[in-house]
Structures are given as C-alpha cells and as structure tokens.
Amino acid sequence: MRVRYQETDAMAVVFHGNVATWFEVGRTEWIRALGVNYKQLEEEGLLFPVTDLRISYKRPAHYDDWVAVFTRLDQLGTIRMSFQSLVCRLTEEQVIQVQTTGWLSEPIGELLYEGGTEHAWIGRDWRPKRVSREQPELWSMLQPFAQKQ
C-alpha cells in the first residue's frame, strides 16, 4: 500500500498511531486469507480484542512510500493468541513482485516498524472463551500456523 498524505504528521513522517492500524490490517487480511470470516465469528459471539500492543520504530515511513505489512501467528493458546508484524518499505521492483505473486511467505524490503499484538478469546459478556471448544474447526485451522503453542 502507499502511504497516504493524511497518514503523516507535522514532521512529514507516518504518525505513530497509524502503525497500529497497519498491524490491524495485516492481521485481518492474514485471517481472511485463511478463509475465516471474522465478522461471522463476531456474530456467533466469539471476539478476540487486543490486550497488548508493542511497536518498535526503526525508520520512518514518508508520504508516497510503498509499504507492506507482513504478519504471522506467533503464539496460539486456547484462551490467548499473539501475532507478530513487520512493516517494510518496498522498492518499485518489490512492489511488482508482491503484485505478481499476491502473497509472500517471507518479508522483503527495508524494515521500518516491528511489533505485535496479543489477544484474548472472549464472548460478548467479556468472559474468556476457549476457542478449542467454541470453534473447534477454527482451532484446528490455526494450529499449523502458530510458531509456539
């Protein structure tokens, strides 16, 4: 994606709060790529709100830069899960590579931001839910992608 002008601040770099949004975009697109309908999970009463957010700022992104968000499932538990995300600046050649393949298994480009999010599986009553019981198909689908269990 290209950095939009509205995502920058008075210092002409991406406002730090937008990186959290980019992590969310990476996470939701990762889930969508698995064929999971997050909206349907919510309608069925299973939520996984962010309980922790970490971002390390390596280099700034600027207006009109091409950036890509790389996300992977880090830890998966029956009540908690976490994701790791990287945001990298891409060259024009790398953008073409991404557009051609549609999906990359390994990050490319210059590392700008790295971090992650932790989530709790909860119901609409905000009480913990065991995803392995509530959605056994989802649990089975996620397990192979977790780096740690």
C-alpha atoms as a PDB file:
ATOM      1  CA  MET A   1       0.000   0.000   0.000  1.00  0.00           C
ATOM      2  CA  ARG A   2       1.115   3.566  -0.483  1.00  0.00           C
ATOM      3  CA  VAL A   3       1.494   5.902   2.463  1.00  0.00           C
ATOM      4  CA  ARG A   4      -1.267   8.478   2.171  1.00  0.00           C
ATOM      5  CA  TYR A   5      -0.661  12.148   2.940  1.00  0.00           C
ATOM      6  CA  GLN A   6      -3.258  12.051   5.738  1.00  0.00           C
ATOM      7  CA  GLU A   7      -1.202   9.342   7.500  1.00  0.00           C
ATOM      8  CA  THR A   8       1.739  11.710   8.022  1.00  0.00           C
ATOM      9  CA  ASP A   9       2.277  14.282  10.741  1.00  0.00           C
ATOM     10  CA  ALA A  10       3.912  17.712  11.017  1.00  0.00           C
ATOM     11  CA  MET A  11       7.352  16.056  10.832  1.00  0.00           C
ATOM     12  CA  ALA A  12       6.411  14.625   7.397  1.00  0.00           C
ATOM     13  CA  VAL A  13       6.588  11.029   8.632  1.00  0.00           C
ATOM     14  CA  VAL A  14       3.858   8.485   9.314  1.00  0.00           C
ATOM     15  CA  PHE A  15       2.088   9.299  12.583  1.00  0.00           C
ATOM     16  CA  HIS A  16       2.896   6.536  15.068  1.00  0.00           C
ATOM     17  CA  GLY A  17      -0.751   5.662  15.716  1.00  0.00           C
ATOM     18  CA  ASN A  18      -1.185   4.658  12.082  1.00  0.00           C
ATOM     19  CA  VAL A  19       1.295   1.819  12.528  1.00  0.00           C
ATOM     20  CA  ALA A  20      -1.155   0.155  14.932  1.00  0.00           C
ATOM     21  CA  THR A  21      -3.810   0.434  12.217  1.00  0.00           C
ATOM     22  CA  TRP A  22      -1.434  -1.151   9.703  1.00  0.00           C
ATOM     23  CA  PHE A  23      -0.843  -4.040  12.139  1.00  0.00           C
ATOM     24  CA  GLU A  24      -4.621  -4.498  12.298  1.00  0.00           C
ATOM     25  CA  VAL A  25      -4.862  -4.512   8.510  1.00  0.00           C
ATOM     26  CA  GLY A  26      -2.142  -7.165   8.346  1.00  0.00           C
ATOM     27  CA  ARG A  27      -3.844  -9.280  10.993  1.00  0.00           C
ATOM     28  CA  THR A  28      -7.318  -9.125   9.488  1.00  0.00           C
ATOM     29  CA  GLU A  29      -6.017  -9.839   5.975  1.00  0.00           C
ATOM     30  CA  TRP A  30      -3.999 -12.790   7.315  1.00  0.00           C
ATOM     31  CA  ILE A  31      -7.165 -14.194   8.882  1.00  0.00           C
ATOM     32  CA  ARG A  32      -9.159 -13.534   5.701  1.00  0.00           C
ATOM     33  CA  ALA A  33      -6.523 -15.345   3.616  1.00  0.00           C
ATOM     34  CA  LEU A  34      -7.218 -18.458   5.700  1.00  0.00           C
ATOM     35  CA  GLY A  35     -10.853 -18.240   4.688  1.00  0.00           C
ATOM     36  CA  VAL A  36     -12.008 -17.208   8.154  1.00  0.00           C
ATOM     37  CA  ASN A  37     -14.893 -14.751   8.282  1.00  0.00           C
ATOM     38  CA  TYR A  38     -14.139 -12.595  11.327  1.00  0.00           C
ATOM     39  CA  LYS A  39     -17.481 -10.823  11.062  1.00  0.00           C
ATOM     40  CA  GLN A  40     -19.240 -14.184  11.275  1.00  0.00           C
ATOM     41  CA  LEU A  41     -17.194 -15.119  14.360  1.00  0.00           C
ATOM     42  CA  GLU A  42     -18.338 -11.890  15.998  1.00  0.00           C
ATOM     43  CA  GLU A  43     -21.952 -12.579  15.052  1.00  0.00           C
ATOM     44  CA  GLU A  44     -21.600 -16.009  16.671  1.00  0.00           C
ATOM     45  CA  GLY A  45     -20.327 -14.321  19.837  1.00  0.00           C
ATOM     46  CA  LEU A  46     -16.588 -15.053  19.649  1.00  0.00           C
ATOM     47  CA  LEU A  47     -14.345 -11.976  19.853  1.00  0.00           C
ATOM     48  CA  PHE A  48     -10.592 -11.520  20.196  1.00  0.00           C
ATOM     49  CA  PRO A  49      -9.789  -7.967  21.277  1.00  0.00           C
ATOM     50  CA  VAL A  50      -6.245  -6.636  21.506  1.00  0.00           C
ATOM     51  CA  THR A  51      -4.924  -6.911  25.070  1.00  0.00           C
ATOM     52  CA  ASP A  52      -1.380  -5.744  24.335  1.00  0.00           C
ATOM     53  CA  LEU A  53       0.309  -3.795  21.538  1.00  0.00           C
ATOM     54  CA  ARG A  54       4.052  -3.420  21.002  1.00  0.00           C
ATOM     55  CA  ILE A  55       5.685  -1.345  18.277  1.00  0.00           C
ATOM     56  CA  SER A  56       9.372  -0.708  17.735  1.00  0.00           C
ATOM     57  CA  TYR A  57      10.145   2.174  15.388  1.00  0.00           C
ATOM     58  CA  LYS A  58      13.270   1.500  13.300  1.00  0.00           C
ATOM     59  CA  ARG A  59      12.949   4.053  10.486  1.00  0.00           C
ATOM     60  CA  PRO A  60      10.129   6.388   9.474  1.00  0.00           C
ATOM     61  CA  ALA A  61       7.837   5.937   6.506  1.00  0.00           C
ATOM     62  CA  HIS A  62       7.054   9.014   4.412  1.00  0.00           C
ATOM     63  CA  TYR A  63       4.246  10.181   2.191  1.00  0.00           C
ATOM     64  CA  ASP A  64       4.015   8.183  -1.054  1.00  0.00           C
ATOM     65  CA  ASP A  65       6.336   5.369   0.127  1.00  0.00           C
ATOM     66  CA  TRP A  66       5.275   1.856  -0.790  1.00  0.00           C
ATOM     67  CA  VAL A  67       4.968  -0.239   2.362  1.00  0.00           C
ATOM     68  CA  ALA A  68       3.932  -3.810   3.027  1.00  0.00           C
ATOM     69  CA  VAL A  69       2.718  -5.378   6.265  1.00  0.00           C
ATOM     70  CA  PHE A  70       3.945  -8.902   6.992  1.00  0.00           C
ATOM     71  CA  THR A  71       2.017 -10.714   9.714  1.00  0.00           C
ATOM     72  CA  ARG A  72       2.310 -14.167  11.220  1.00  0.00           C
ATOM     73  CA  LEU A  73       0.634 -16.023  14.037  1.00  0.00           C
ATOM     74  CA  ASP A  74       3.155 -16.230  16.857  1.00  0.00           C
ATOM     75  CA  GLN A  75       1.536 -17.948  19.828  1.00  0.00           C
ATOM     76  CA  LEU A  76      -1.732 -19.826  19.957  1.00  0.00           C
ATOM     77  CA  GLY A  77      -3.424 -20.872  23.158  1.00  0.00           C
ATOM     78  CA  THR A  78      -6.962 -21.926  23.868  1.00  0.00           C
ATOM     79  CA  ILE A  79      -7.696 -18.536  25.503  1.00  0.00           C
ATOM     80  CA  ARG A  80      -4.951 -16.258  24.112  1.00  0.00           C
ATOM     81  CA  MET A  81      -3.109 -15.733  20.863  1.00  0.00           C
ATOM     82  CA  SER A  82      -0.495 -13.319  19.551  1.00  0.00           C
ATOM     83  CA  PHE A  83       0.671 -12.030  16.189  1.00  0.00           C
ATOM     84  CA  GLN A  84       3.979 -10.571  15.041  1.00  0.00           C
ATOM     85  CA  SER A  85       4.021  -7.866  12.383  1.00  0.00           C
ATOM     86  CA  LEU A  86       6.646  -6.116  10.301  1.00  0.00           C
ATOM     87  CA  VAL A  87       6.149  -3.057   8.114  1.00  0.00           C
ATOM     88  CA  CYS A  88       8.731  -2.717   5.352  1.00  0.00           C
ATOM     89  CA  ARG A  89       9.373  -0.080   2.702  1.00  0.00           C
ATOM     90  CA  LEU A  90       9.354  -1.572  -0.792  1.00  0.00           C
ATOM     91  CA  THR A  91      11.138  -0.547  -3.960  1.00  0.00           C
ATOM     92  CA  GLU A  92       9.167  -0.331  -7.200  1.00  0.00           C
ATOM     93  CA  GLU A  93      10.622  -3.717  -8.223  1.00  0.00           C
ATOM     94  CA  GLN A  94       9.499  -5.283  -4.940  1.00  0.00           C
ATOM     95  CA  VAL A  95       6.005  -3.826  -5.390  1.00  0.00           C
ATOM     96  CA  ILE A  96       5.793  -5.554  -8.773  1.00  0.00           C
ATOM     97  CA  GLN A  97       6.952  -8.802  -7.135  1.00  0.00           C
ATOM     98  CA  VAL A  98       4.214  -8.538  -4.495  1.00  0.00           C
ATOM     99  CA  GLN A  99       1.558  -7.645  -7.059  1.00  0.00           C
ATOM    100  CA  THR A 100       2.610 -10.549  -9.276  1.00  0.00           C
ATOM    101  CA  THR A 101       2.708 -13.229  -6.592  1.00  0.00           C
ATOM    102  CA  GLY A 102      -0.138 -11.851  -4.473  1.00  0.00           C
ATOM    103  CA  TRP A 103       1.321 -13.357  -1.306  1.00  0.00           C
ATOM    104  CA  LEU A 104       4.831 -13.616   0.132  1.00  0.00           C
ATOM    105  CA  SER A 105       5.855 -16.097   2.787  1.00  0.00           C
ATOM    106  CA  GLU A 106       8.933 -14.111   3.848  1.00  0.00           C
ATOM    107  CA  PRO A 107       9.256 -10.357   4.446  1.00  0.00           C
ATOM    108  CA  ILE A 108      11.064  -8.238   1.863  1.00  0.00           C
ATOM    109  CA  GLY A 109      12.113  -4.598   1.828  1.00  0.00           C
ATOM    110  CA  GLU A 110      13.588  -2.216   4.369  1.00  0.00           C
ATOM    111  CA  LEU A 111      12.339  -2.791   7.915  1.00  0.00           C
ATOM    112  CA  LEU A 112      10.550   0.285   9.278  1.00  0.00           C
ATOM    113  CA  TYR A 113       8.411  -0.955  12.174  1.00  0.00           C
ATOM    114  CA  GLU A 114       8.132  -4.243  14.026  1.00  0.00           C
ATOM    115  CA  GLY A 115       5.997  -5.439  16.874  1.00  0.00           C
ATOM    116  CA  GLY A 116       2.995  -7.456  17.718  1.00  0.00           C
ATOM    117  CA  THR A 117      -0.364  -7.777  19.345  1.00  0.00           C
ATOM    118  CA  GLU A 118      -1.773 -10.108  21.950  1.00  0.00           C
ATOM    119  CA  HIS A 119      -5.428 -11.081  22.046  1.00  0.00           C
ATOM    120  CA  ALA A 120      -7.846 -12.847  24.358  1.00  0.00           C
ATOM    121  CA  TRP A 121     -10.676 -15.039  23.109  1.00  0.00           C
ATOM    122  CA  ILE A 122     -13.831 -13.739  24.787  1.00  0.00           C
ATOM    123  CA  GLY A 123     -17.593 -13.864  24.456  1.00  0.00           C
ATOM    124  CA  ARG A 124     -19.959 -10.913  24.227  1.00  0.00           C
ATOM    125  CA  ASP A 125     -20.099 -10.975  28.027  1.00  0.00           C
ATOM    126  CA  TRP A 126     -16.323 -10.212  28.042  1.00  0.00           C
ATOM    127  CA  ARG A 127     -15.567 -13.506  29.764  1.00  0.00           C
ATOM    128  CA  PRO A 128     -12.793 -15.772  28.444  1.00  0.00           C
ATOM    129  CA  LYS A 129     -13.770 -18.437  25.938  1.00  0.00           C
ATOM    130  CA  ARG A 130     -11.793 -21.488  24.876  1.00  0.00           C
ATOM    131  CA  VAL A 131     -11.582 -21.297  21.117  1.00  0.00           C
ATOM    132  CA  SER A 132     -10.882 -25.035  21.001  1.00  0.00           C
ATOM    133  CA  ARG A 133     -14.378 -25.632  22.423  1.00  0.00           C
ATOM    134  CA  GLU A 134     -16.268 -22.716  20.868  1.00  0.00           C
ATOM    135  CA  GLN A 135     -14.860 -23.102  17.342  1.00  0.00           C
ATOM    136  CA  PRO A 136     -13.005 -26.433  17.018  1.00  0.00           C
ATOM    137  CA  GLU A 137     -12.709 -26.042  13.225  1.00  0.00           C
ATOM    138  CA  LEU A 138     -11.046 -22.654  13.637  1.00  0.00           C
ATOM    139  CA  TRP A 139      -8.752 -24.054  16.340  1.00  0.00           C
ATOM    140  CA  SER A 140      -7.636 -26.858  14.010  1.00  0.00           C
ATOM    141  CA  MET A 141      -7.128 -24.413  11.157  1.00  0.00           C
ATOM    142  CA  LEU A 142      -4.923 -22.054  13.223  1.00  0.00           C
ATOM    143  CA  GLN A 143      -2.699 -24.652  14.902  1.00  0.00           C
ATOM    144  CA  PRO A 144      -0.354 -25.354  11.961  1.00  0.00           C
ATOM    145  CA  PHE A 145       0.465 -21.642  11.631  1.00  0.00           C
ATOM    146  CA  ALA A 146       1.428 -20.968  15.252  1.00  0.00           C
ATOM    147  CA  GLN A 147       5.134 -20.572  15.921  1.00  0.00           C
ATOM    148  CA  LYS A 148       4.559 -21.513  19.582  1.00  0.00           C
ATOM    149  CA  GLN A 149       1.698 -23.238  21.367  1.00  0.00           C
END
